Amino acid sequence: MTDAVISPGAPAPRAVSLSARDALLKKRHRSETIFRVQGIAAIVIAMIFLVVLVGRIVAQGYSTFETHTLTVPVYLNAERIDVNALEGVNYDYIVAEAMMKKLGVQDDDLGMTSGKIMALTSRDFGNQLLQMVRKDHSLIGKTVNVTGSVKADADLYYKGEIKRSTAEGDRKLDNQQLDWLDRLKNDGTVKTGFNTKFFTNSDSTEPEQAGVWGAVIGSAMMLVITAMIAIPVGVMAAVYLEEFAPKNRWTDVIEVNINNLAAVPSIVYGLLGLALFINWLHVPRGSPLVGGLVMALMALPTVIIATRSSLKAVPPSIREAALGVGASKAQTVFHHVLPLAMPGVMTGAILSLAHALGETAPLLMIGMVAFVPGAPENFTSSATVLPVQVYIWENASERAFHERTAAAIIVLLVFMIVMNAAAVILRRRFERRW
């Protein structure tokens, strides 16, 4: 055998091979490092946007949970209050007189002073007086203490949203009104506390009296209808398609259409609900019933897809073992496969309901954008939901409604976080690893 001849000065073959390998390893490590840095950067950027978004909402809406109230001693003059016509009494002016007496000011001939006072106190004072007199006529001729919220603009002044440094012509409250507010604050008449009315009141034309109770009840009733329709229908459809339906051209077409329906814009479901449920079936417009029906249509594809994925994750050995001991196909599916797939089914159902809770466009199309001053009494009553309430308040002209918009978004986010957390907990609690 002839030995290989190596030219003088040429590098050894082994040295070349090691150098190339080192270069290849460095290139691979460099690529992995770049990919890792890109992934971390993407996560950091996403977190920054999330923090900015949530921070902006919290910064704008947290002040809603603080309110300023005052207690006014009001004399119910028997000469002004007719027991036979209690609704015809101007209780707001009676409250304004009590406020003027407390502040030591007199009304002028044009009623300008009393008008300025009424711009500082909520109309809820007058409603409280009416209810008190209705319940007990013996209060007429006596002095009663009435506690309520200050007007929205006065509340904004106490929160620093309206500043005295702003030109008087550019704010709703003049210097005299600000002086009165300072006096009431300094003498302890005005108290600061938690705004429970935001959670117990429904929508109102007065910002200081507006709350989310009606929207929360409307959302809950709508989700009940959605869950009652979308979950059983979606699960049964998924079970049939995955376990019983023959694999042919028609089932392929159905599967493709289900996947396409999951990507259809939500407003299309609103148009479908308008045409199908309102114009054809005459379901009451703007009710939780029609809202739940529309949301059920939108949630069905998500439930079906999630359920089918969960069923596919169950090992075939489970089916084979059940069939091997004599179980029928239906017994195998409903006694063994479906229970094992239930964590994924529940997760898909909860996530679809959370998605429905945050939808706005379909509900606008079916009339759930109307002003509803109370909570719905039944599934066919007029109602609103949290996303629509946010939309209504954001379009309101009153400045105080804008902070309530952010507060309603916080409430909505809390509900969605709870629902998503429940989905994660249920999945981890019942998940089986094969």
Protein backbone atom coordinates (compact mmCIF):
# COMPACT_ATOMS: atom_id res chain seq x y z
CA MET A 1 0.00 0.00 0.00
CA THR A 2 1.34 3.41 -0.94
CA ASP A 3 1.40 6.10 1.76
CA ALA A 4 -0.29 9.40 0.93
CA VAL A 5 2.13 12.12 0.03
CA ILE A 6 1.70 15.41 1.92
CA SER A 7 3.13 18.50 0.30
CA PRO A 8 5.56 20.48 2.39
CA GLY A 9 3.83 23.34 4.23
CA ALA A 10 0.28 21.96 3.73
CA PRO A 11 -1.93 21.79 6.92
CA ALA A 12 -2.63 18.38 8.34
CA PRO A 13 -6.05 16.96 7.37
CA ARG A 14 -7.05 16.42 11.03
CA ALA A 15 -6.33 20.06 11.88
CA VAL A 16 -8.60 21.23 9.02
CA SER A 17 -11.42 18.94 10.18
CA LEU A 18 -11.27 20.24 13.77
CA SER A 19 -11.27 23.87 12.63
CA ALA A 20 -14.32 23.35 10.44
CA ARG A 21 -16.14 21.58 13.25
CA ASP A 22 -15.39 24.39 15.69
CA ALA A 23 -16.62 26.96 13.18
CA LEU A 24 -19.83 24.99 12.64
CA LEU A 25 -20.42 24.71 16.39
CA LYS A 26 -19.84 28.43 16.88
CA LYS A 27 -22.29 29.22 14.09
CA ARG A 28 -24.90 26.93 15.59
CA HIS A 29 -24.44 28.40 19.08
CA ARG A 30 -24.60 31.91 17.64
CA SER A 31 -27.87 31.09 15.85
CA GLU A 32 -29.36 29.62 19.02
CA THR A 33 -28.30 32.68 21.00
CA ILE A 34 -29.84 35.04 18.44
CA PHE A 35 -33.08 33.04 18.43
CA ARG A 36 -33.18 33.05 22.25
CA VAL A 37 -32.59 36.80 22.35
CA GLN A 38 -35.31 37.38 19.76
CA GLY A 39 -37.76 35.27 21.77
CA ILE A 40 -36.96 37.12 24.98
CA ALA A 41 -37.28 40.47 23.19
CA ALA A 42 -40.68 39.48 21.80
CA ILE A 43 -41.89 38.53 25.27
CA VAL A 44 -40.52 41.77 26.77
CA ILE A 45 -42.19 43.90 24.09
CA ALA A 46 -45.50 42.09 24.59
CA MET A 47 -45.27 42.57 28.36
CA ILE A 48 -44.48 46.27 27.91
CA PHE A 49 -47.57 46.76 25.75
CA LEU A 50 -49.65 44.81 28.28
CA VAL A 51 -48.35 46.85 31.21
CA VAL A 52 -48.93 50.11 29.35
CA LEU A 53 -52.48 49.08 28.41
CA VAL A 54 -53.48 47.84 31.84
CA GLY A 55 -51.64 50.67 33.55
CA ARG A 56 -53.46 53.25 31.45
CA ILE A 57 -56.83 51.68 32.23
CA VAL A 58 -56.11 51.43 35.96
CA ALA A 59 -54.70 54.97 36.12
CA GLN A 60 -57.84 56.35 34.49
CA GLY A 61 -60.39 54.20 36.28
CA TYR A 62 -59.18 53.62 39.84
CA SER A 63 -60.57 56.98 40.99
CA THR A 64 -64.10 55.73 40.23
CA PHE A 65 -63.89 53.46 43.27
CA GLU A 66 -63.50 56.55 45.47
CA THR A 67 -66.46 58.82 46.09
CA HIS A 68 -67.21 61.95 48.08
CA THR A 69 -70.42 62.21 50.08
CA LEU A 70 -71.93 64.87 52.29
CA THR A 71 -74.66 64.92 54.92
CA VAL A 72 -77.17 67.77 54.80
CA PRO A 73 -79.72 68.61 57.54
CA VAL A 74 -82.90 69.39 55.57
CA TYR A 75 -85.99 71.06 57.05
CA LEU A 76 -89.17 69.64 55.52
CA ASN A 77 -91.35 72.74 55.51
CA ALA A 78 -94.99 71.72 55.87
CA GLU A 79 -96.06 74.80 53.90
CA ARG A 80 -94.20 73.56 50.82
CA ILE A 81 -94.97 69.85 50.95
CA ASP A 82 -98.49 68.72 50.07
CA VAL A 83 -99.18 65.23 51.37
CA ASN A 84 -101.63 64.64 48.52
CA ALA A 85 -99.11 65.63 45.83
CA LEU A 86 -95.70 64.54 47.06
CA GLU A 87 -94.30 64.04 43.54
CA GLY A 88 -94.99 67.67 42.65
CA VAL A 89 -92.62 69.08 45.26
CA ASN A 90 -89.23 70.44 44.17
CA TYR A 91 -87.10 68.50 46.65
CA ASP A 92 -83.89 69.50 44.87
CA TYR A 93 -84.58 73.15 45.72
CA ILE A 94 -85.35 72.21 49.34
CA VAL A 95 -81.92 70.54 49.52
CA ALA A 96 -80.36 73.62 47.88
CA GLU A 97 -81.97 75.83 50.56
CA ALA A 98 -80.47 73.64 53.26
CA MET A 99 -77.06 73.89 51.59
CA MET A 100 -77.33 77.69 51.31
CA LYS A 101 -78.19 77.88 55.00
CA LYS A 102 -75.17 75.74 55.85
CA LEU A 103 -72.88 77.89 53.68
CA GLY A 104 -74.40 81.13 54.96
CA VAL A 105 -75.45 82.47 51.55
CA GLN A 106 -78.74 83.81 50.22
CA ASP A 107 -80.46 83.11 46.93
CA ASP A 108 -80.88 86.00 44.51
CA ASP A 109 -84.01 87.01 42.61
CA LEU A 110 -82.99 84.99 39.55
CA GLY A 111 -82.18 81.88 41.53
CA MET A 112 -78.56 81.89 40.36
CA THR A 113 -77.15 80.92 43.75
CA SER A 114 -79.52 77.99 44.23
CA GLY A 115 -78.72 76.85 40.69
CA LYS A 116 -75.01 76.85 41.49
CA ILE A 117 -75.69 74.88 44.68
CA MET A 118 -77.76 72.30 42.79
CA ALA A 119 -74.82 71.85 40.40
CA LEU A 120 -72.80 70.58 43.37
CA THR A 121 -75.23 68.06 44.86
CA SER A 122 -76.57 64.91 43.26
CA ARG A 123 -80.25 64.64 42.44
CA ASP A 124 -80.23 61.55 44.59
CA PHE A 125 -80.78 63.87 47.59
CA GLY A 126 -84.18 64.87 46.26
CA ASN A 127 -85.11 61.25 45.51
CA GLN A 128 -84.15 60.26 49.03
CA LEU A 129 -86.34 62.98 50.52
CA LEU A 130 -89.28 61.85 48.40
CA GLN A 131 -88.89 58.24 49.51
CA MET A 132 -88.55 59.26 53.16
CA VAL A 133 -91.70 61.37 53.08
CA ARG A 134 -93.60 58.64 51.25
CA LYS A 135 -92.77 56.12 53.95
CA ASP A 136 -93.37 58.43 56.92
CA HIS A 137 -95.59 61.51 56.56
CA SER A 138 -94.81 62.48 60.15
CA LEU A 139 -91.38 63.71 58.99
CA ILE A 140 -93.04 66.75 57.42
CA GLY A 141 -92.28 69.76 59.59
CA LYS A 142 -89.10 68.20 60.95
CA THR A 143 -85.40 68.34 60.12
CA VAL A 144 -83.89 65.15 58.69
CA ASN A 145 -80.31 64.31 57.74
CA VAL A 146 -79.80 63.21 54.15
CA THR A 147 -76.52 61.70 52.92
CA GLY A 148 -75.60 61.43 49.26
CA SER A 149 -72.91 61.94 46.67
CA VAL A 150 -71.69 65.27 45.42
CA LYS A 151 -72.25 66.04 41.76
CA ALA A 152 -69.85 64.50 39.25
CA ASP A 153 -67.99 67.75 38.55
CA ALA A 154 -67.56 68.41 42.27
CA ASP A 155 -66.26 64.85 42.67
CA LEU A 156 -63.74 65.45 39.87
CA TYR A 157 -62.57 68.62 41.64
CA TYR A 158 -61.92 66.72 44.85
CA LYS A 159 -60.00 64.08 42.85
CA GLY A 160 -57.82 66.72 41.20
CA GLU A 161 -59.28 66.26 37.71
CA ILE A 162 -60.66 69.81 37.74
CA LYS A 163 -58.04 72.31 38.85
CA ARG A 164 -58.46 75.82 40.17
CA SER A 165 -55.47 76.90 38.07
CA THR A 166 -57.53 76.30 34.92
CA ALA A 167 -59.13 79.43 33.52
CA GLU A 168 -62.60 79.92 34.98
CA GLY A 169 -64.19 80.00 31.56
CA ASP A 170 -62.67 76.65 30.66
CA ARG A 171 -64.24 74.67 33.54
CA LYS A 172 -67.83 73.98 34.55
CA LEU A 173 -67.40 75.15 38.14
CA ASP A 174 -66.66 78.82 38.83
CA ASN A 175 -64.45 80.14 41.61
CA GLN A 176 -67.37 80.67 43.99
CA GLN A 177 -68.44 77.04 43.65
CA LEU A 178 -64.86 75.89 44.26
CA ASP A 179 -64.74 78.05 47.39
CA TRP A 180 -67.93 76.40 48.66
CA LEU A 181 -66.48 72.95 47.97
CA ASP A 182 -63.30 73.83 49.85
CA ARG A 183 -65.34 75.04 52.84
CA LEU A 184 -67.43 71.85 52.90
CA LYS A 185 -64.27 69.74 52.72
CA ASN A 186 -62.44 71.69 55.41
CA ASP A 187 -65.30 71.63 57.93
CA GLY A 188 -65.70 67.85 57.55
CA THR A 189 -69.06 67.92 55.82
CA VAL A 190 -67.67 66.08 52.80
CA LYS A 191 -66.42 62.56 53.49
CA THR A 192 -64.28 60.30 51.28
CA GLY A 193 -65.18 56.63 50.99
CA PHE A 194 -65.45 53.56 48.79
CA ASN A 195 -67.92 53.91 45.93
CA THR A 196 -70.22 50.96 46.59
CA LYS A 197 -72.91 52.51 44.37
CA PHE A 198 -70.79 51.78 41.32
CA PHE A 199 -71.43 48.08 41.96
CA THR A 200 -75.03 48.33 43.25
CA ASN A 201 -76.52 50.90 40.83
CA SER A 202 -77.42 50.46 37.19
CA ASP A 203 -76.88 52.94 34.38
CA SER A 204 -77.99 56.53 34.91
CA THR A 205 -77.92 59.86 33.13
CA GLU A 206 -76.13 61.24 36.21
CA PRO A 207 -72.49 60.04 36.25
CA GLU A 208 -72.25 59.99 40.04
CA GLN A 209 -75.22 57.60 40.21
CA ALA A 210 -74.20 55.32 37.32
CA GLY A 211 -73.10 51.77 38.09
CA VAL A 212 -72.51 48.39 36.49
CA TRP A 213 -75.07 46.27 38.35
CA GLY A 214 -77.54 46.13 35.46
CA ALA A 215 -74.78 45.33 32.96
CA VAL A 216 -73.38 42.56 35.20
CA ILE A 217 -76.82 40.95 35.56
CA GLY A 218 -77.43 41.28 31.82
CA SER A 219 -74.06 39.67 31.05
CA ALA A 220 -74.75 36.82 33.49
CA MET A 221 -78.18 36.11 32.02
CA MET A 222 -76.80 36.19 28.48
CA LEU A 223 -74.00 33.76 29.40
CA VAL A 224 -76.54 31.37 30.95
CA ILE A 225 -78.39 31.18 27.63
CA THR A 226 -75.10 30.82 25.76
CA ALA A 227 -73.89 28.00 28.00
CA MET A 228 -77.21 26.14 27.89
CA ILE A 229 -77.11 26.05 24.08
CA ALA A 230 -73.46 26.11 23.00
CA ILE A 231 -71.96 23.60 25.45
CA PRO A 232 -74.31 20.61 25.06
CA VAL A 233 -74.83 21.13 21.32
CA GLY A 234 -71.12 21.72 20.70
CA VAL A 235 -69.98 18.74 22.77
CA MET A 236 -72.49 16.36 21.17
CA ALA A 237 -71.58 17.57 17.68
CA ALA A 238 -67.88 17.07 18.41
CA VAL A 239 -68.45 13.60 19.85
CA TYR A 240 -70.43 12.53 16.80
CA LEU A 241 -67.92 13.94 14.31
CA GLU A 242 -64.92 12.47 16.10
CA GLU A 243 -66.23 9.12 17.27
CA PHE A 244 -69.24 8.08 15.20
CA ALA A 245 -69.35 9.93 11.86
CA PRO A 246 -67.96 8.06 8.83
CA LYS A 247 -64.86 9.59 7.33
CA ASN A 248 -66.01 10.69 3.89
CA ARG A 249 -66.30 13.78 1.73
CA TRP A 250 -69.31 15.17 3.58
CA THR A 251 -67.72 15.03 7.01
CA ASP A 252 -64.61 16.66 5.54
CA VAL A 253 -66.78 19.51 4.24
CA ILE A 254 -68.42 19.87 7.66
CA GLU A 255 -65.05 19.98 9.43
CA VAL A 256 -63.70 22.63 7.06
CA ASN A 257 -66.80 24.78 7.55
CA ILE A 258 -66.60 24.50 11.33
CA ASN A 259 -63.00 25.71 11.20
CA ASN A 260 -64.05 28.54 8.88
CA LEU A 261 -66.91 29.56 11.19
CA ALA A 262 -64.42 29.97 14.04
CA ALA A 263 -62.68 32.68 11.98
CA VAL A 264 -65.80 34.56 10.84
CA PRO A 265 -65.88 38.19 12.13
CA SER A 266 -68.18 38.50 15.12
CA ILE A 267 -70.30 41.22 13.54
CA VAL A 268 -71.46 38.69 10.94
CA TYR A 269 -73.05 36.70 13.76
CA GLY A 270 -74.80 39.88 14.81
CA LEU A 271 -76.26 40.30 11.31
CA LEU A 272 -77.29 36.64 11.33
CA GLY A 273 -78.98 37.05 14.71
CA LEU A 274 -80.76 40.19 13.52
CA ALA A 275 -82.15 38.41 10.48
CA LEU A 276 -82.87 35.03 12.09
CA PHE A 277 -83.90 35.66 15.68
CA ILE A 278 -85.37 39.18 15.54
CA ASN A 279 -86.81 39.65 12.06
CA TRP A 280 -87.94 36.04 11.53
CA LEU A 281 -88.51 34.48 14.97
CA HIS A 282 -89.44 37.82 16.61
CA VAL A 283 -87.35 37.30 19.73
CA PRO A 284 -87.49 40.49 21.86
CA ARG A 285 -84.86 42.95 20.64
CA GLY A 286 -82.04 43.85 23.02
CA SER A 287 -82.89 41.07 25.51
CA PRO A 288 -80.55 38.57 27.20
CA LEU A 289 -82.37 35.83 25.29
CA VAL A 290 -81.47 37.08 21.83
CA GLY A 291 -77.98 38.03 23.02
CA GLY A 292 -77.42 34.54 24.38
CA LEU A 293 -78.67 32.95 21.15
CA VAL A 294 -76.28 35.03 19.04
CA MET A 295 -73.34 34.35 21.37
CA ALA A 296 -74.18 30.64 21.30
CA LEU A 297 -73.83 30.61 17.53
CA MET A 298 -70.49 32.32 17.84
CA ALA A 299 -69.25 30.01 20.62
CA LEU A 300 -70.29 26.74 18.93
CA PRO A 301 -67.23 26.41 16.61
CA THR A 302 -64.84 27.02 19.51
CA VAL A 303 -66.54 24.40 21.70
CA ILE A 304 -66.58 21.86 18.87
CA ILE A 305 -62.92 22.35 17.96
CA ALA A 306 -61.76 22.22 21.61
CA THR A 307 -63.83 19.12 22.31
CA ARG A 308 -62.55 17.30 19.24
CA SER A 309 -58.96 18.11 20.18
CA SER A 310 -59.57 16.70 23.67
CA LEU A 311 -61.12 13.54 22.28
CA LYS A 312 -58.17 13.03 19.93
CA ALA A 313 -55.78 13.32 22.88
CA VAL A 314 -57.29 10.25 24.57
CA PRO A 315 -55.05 7.25 23.64
CA PRO A 316 -56.58 4.66 21.27
CA SER A 317 -55.69 1.96 23.82
CA ILE A 318 -58.54 3.22 26.03
CA ARG A 319 -61.04 2.60 23.26
CA GLU A 320 -59.50 -0.76 22.37
CA ALA A 321 -59.55 -1.94 25.98
CA ALA A 322 -63.19 -0.98 26.45
CA LEU A 323 -64.26 -2.64 23.22
CA GLY A 324 -62.17 -5.68 24.13
CA VAL A 325 -64.16 -6.35 27.31
CA GLY A 326 -67.47 -6.15 25.45
CA ALA A 327 -68.47 -2.48 25.74
CA SER A 328 -70.49 -1.02 22.90
CA LYS A 329 -69.27 1.96 20.89
CA ALA A 330 -71.57 4.33 22.78
CA GLN A 331 -70.50 2.91 26.16
CA THR A 332 -66.86 3.25 25.19
CA VAL A 333 -67.28 6.89 24.25
CA PHE A 334 -69.55 8.09 27.06
CA HIS A 335 -68.18 5.94 29.90
CA HIS A 336 -64.47 6.10 29.14
CA VAL A 337 -63.35 8.47 26.37
CA LEU A 338 -65.51 11.53 27.13
CA PRO A 339 -64.83 11.55 30.90
CA LEU A 340 -61.09 11.41 30.23
CA ALA A 341 -61.43 14.27 27.71
CA MET A 342 -63.57 16.37 30.08
CA PRO A 343 -60.75 18.70 31.29
CA GLY A 344 -60.15 19.87 27.74
CA VAL A 345 -63.89 20.11 27.10
CA MET A 346 -64.41 22.28 30.19
CA THR A 347 -61.46 24.47 29.24
CA GLY A 348 -62.82 25.03 25.75
CA ALA A 349 -66.29 25.78 27.10
CA ILE A 350 -65.05 28.32 29.66
CA LEU A 351 -62.79 30.05 27.14
CA SER A 352 -65.64 30.29 24.64
CA LEU A 353 -67.87 31.86 27.31
CA ALA A 354 -65.09 34.30 28.23
CA HIS A 355 -64.84 35.23 24.55
CA ALA A 356 -68.60 35.78 24.43
CA LEU A 357 -68.46 37.93 27.57
CA GLY A 358 -66.07 40.37 25.90
CA GLU A 359 -67.89 40.70 22.56
CA THR A 360 -69.56 43.96 21.60
CA ALA A 361 -70.16 44.14 17.83
CA PRO A 362 -72.80 41.37 17.57
CA LEU A 363 -74.76 42.84 20.48
CA LEU A 364 -74.83 46.28 18.90
CA MET A 365 -76.49 44.77 15.85
CA ILE A 366 -79.31 43.21 17.90
CA GLY A 367 -80.22 46.37 19.81
CA MET A 368 -78.41 45.94 23.13
CA VAL A 369 -77.03 49.47 22.87
CA ALA A 370 -80.09 51.21 24.37
CA PHE A 371 -80.06 53.07 27.68
CA VAL A 372 -81.32 50.65 30.35
CA PRO A 373 -81.69 52.29 33.80
CA GLY A 374 -82.22 49.04 35.74
CA ALA A 375 -81.34 45.37 35.85
CA PRO A 376 -83.33 43.03 33.58
CA GLU A 377 -86.17 41.23 35.36
CA ASN A 378 -86.26 38.22 33.04
CA PHE A 379 -84.64 36.82 29.90
CA THR A 380 -86.92 38.81 27.57
CA SER A 381 -86.50 42.20 29.27
CA SER A 382 -84.37 44.96 27.77
CA ALA A 383 -80.81 44.66 29.00
CA THR A 384 -77.27 45.76 28.46
CA VAL A 385 -73.96 43.97 29.04
CA LEU A 386 -70.56 45.09 30.27
CA PRO A 387 -68.83 45.60 26.87
CA VAL A 388 -71.81 47.58 25.56
CA GLN A 389 -71.91 49.61 28.79
CA VAL A 390 -68.27 50.52 28.19
CA TYR A 391 -69.16 51.58 24.63
CA ILE A 392 -72.09 53.74 25.82
CA TRP A 393 -70.13 55.50 28.55
CA GLU A 394 -67.13 56.17 26.32
CA ASN A 395 -69.42 57.97 23.85
CA ALA A 396 -71.06 60.07 26.57
CA SER A 397 -70.29 63.77 26.67
CA GLU A 398 -69.90 64.00 30.45
CA ARG A 399 -66.26 63.87 31.49
CA ALA A 400 -67.05 61.80 34.59
CA PHE A 401 -68.38 58.97 32.43
CA HIS A 402 -64.91 58.45 30.96
CA GLU A 403 -63.39 57.39 34.27
CA ARG A 404 -66.36 55.07 34.74
CA THR A 405 -65.57 53.62 31.32
CA ALA A 406 -62.12 52.58 32.54
CA ALA A 407 -63.58 51.26 35.80
CA ALA A 408 -66.10 49.13 33.88
CA ILE A 409 -63.22 47.78 31.77
CA ILE A 410 -61.43 46.82 35.00
CA VAL A 411 -64.55 44.96 36.18
CA LEU A 412 -64.81 43.21 32.80
CA LEU A 413 -61.13 42.25 32.88
CA VAL A 414 -61.53 40.84 36.39
CA PHE A 415 -64.40 38.62 35.23
CA MET A 416 -62.42 37.43 32.20
CA ILE A 417 -59.29 36.77 34.29
CA VAL A 418 -61.36 34.75 36.76
CA MET A 419 -62.92 32.70 33.94
CA ASN A 420 -59.56 32.06 32.28
CA ALA A 421 -57.97 31.18 35.63
CA ALA A 422 -60.83 28.75 36.27
CA ALA A 423 -60.14 27.11 32.91
CA VAL A 424 -56.44 26.68 33.76
CA ILE A 425 -57.17 25.36 37.26
CA LEU A 426 -59.76 22.87 36.03
CA ARG A 427 -57.43 21.64 33.32
CA ARG A 428 -54.53 21.15 35.72
CA ARG A 429 -56.77 19.62 38.36
CA PHE A 430 -58.26 16.93 36.13
CA GLU A 431 -55.60 16.57 33.48
CA ARG A 432 -54.28 13.05 32.87
CA ARG A 433 -50.81 12.47 31.47
CA TRP A 434 -50.39 9.42 29.27
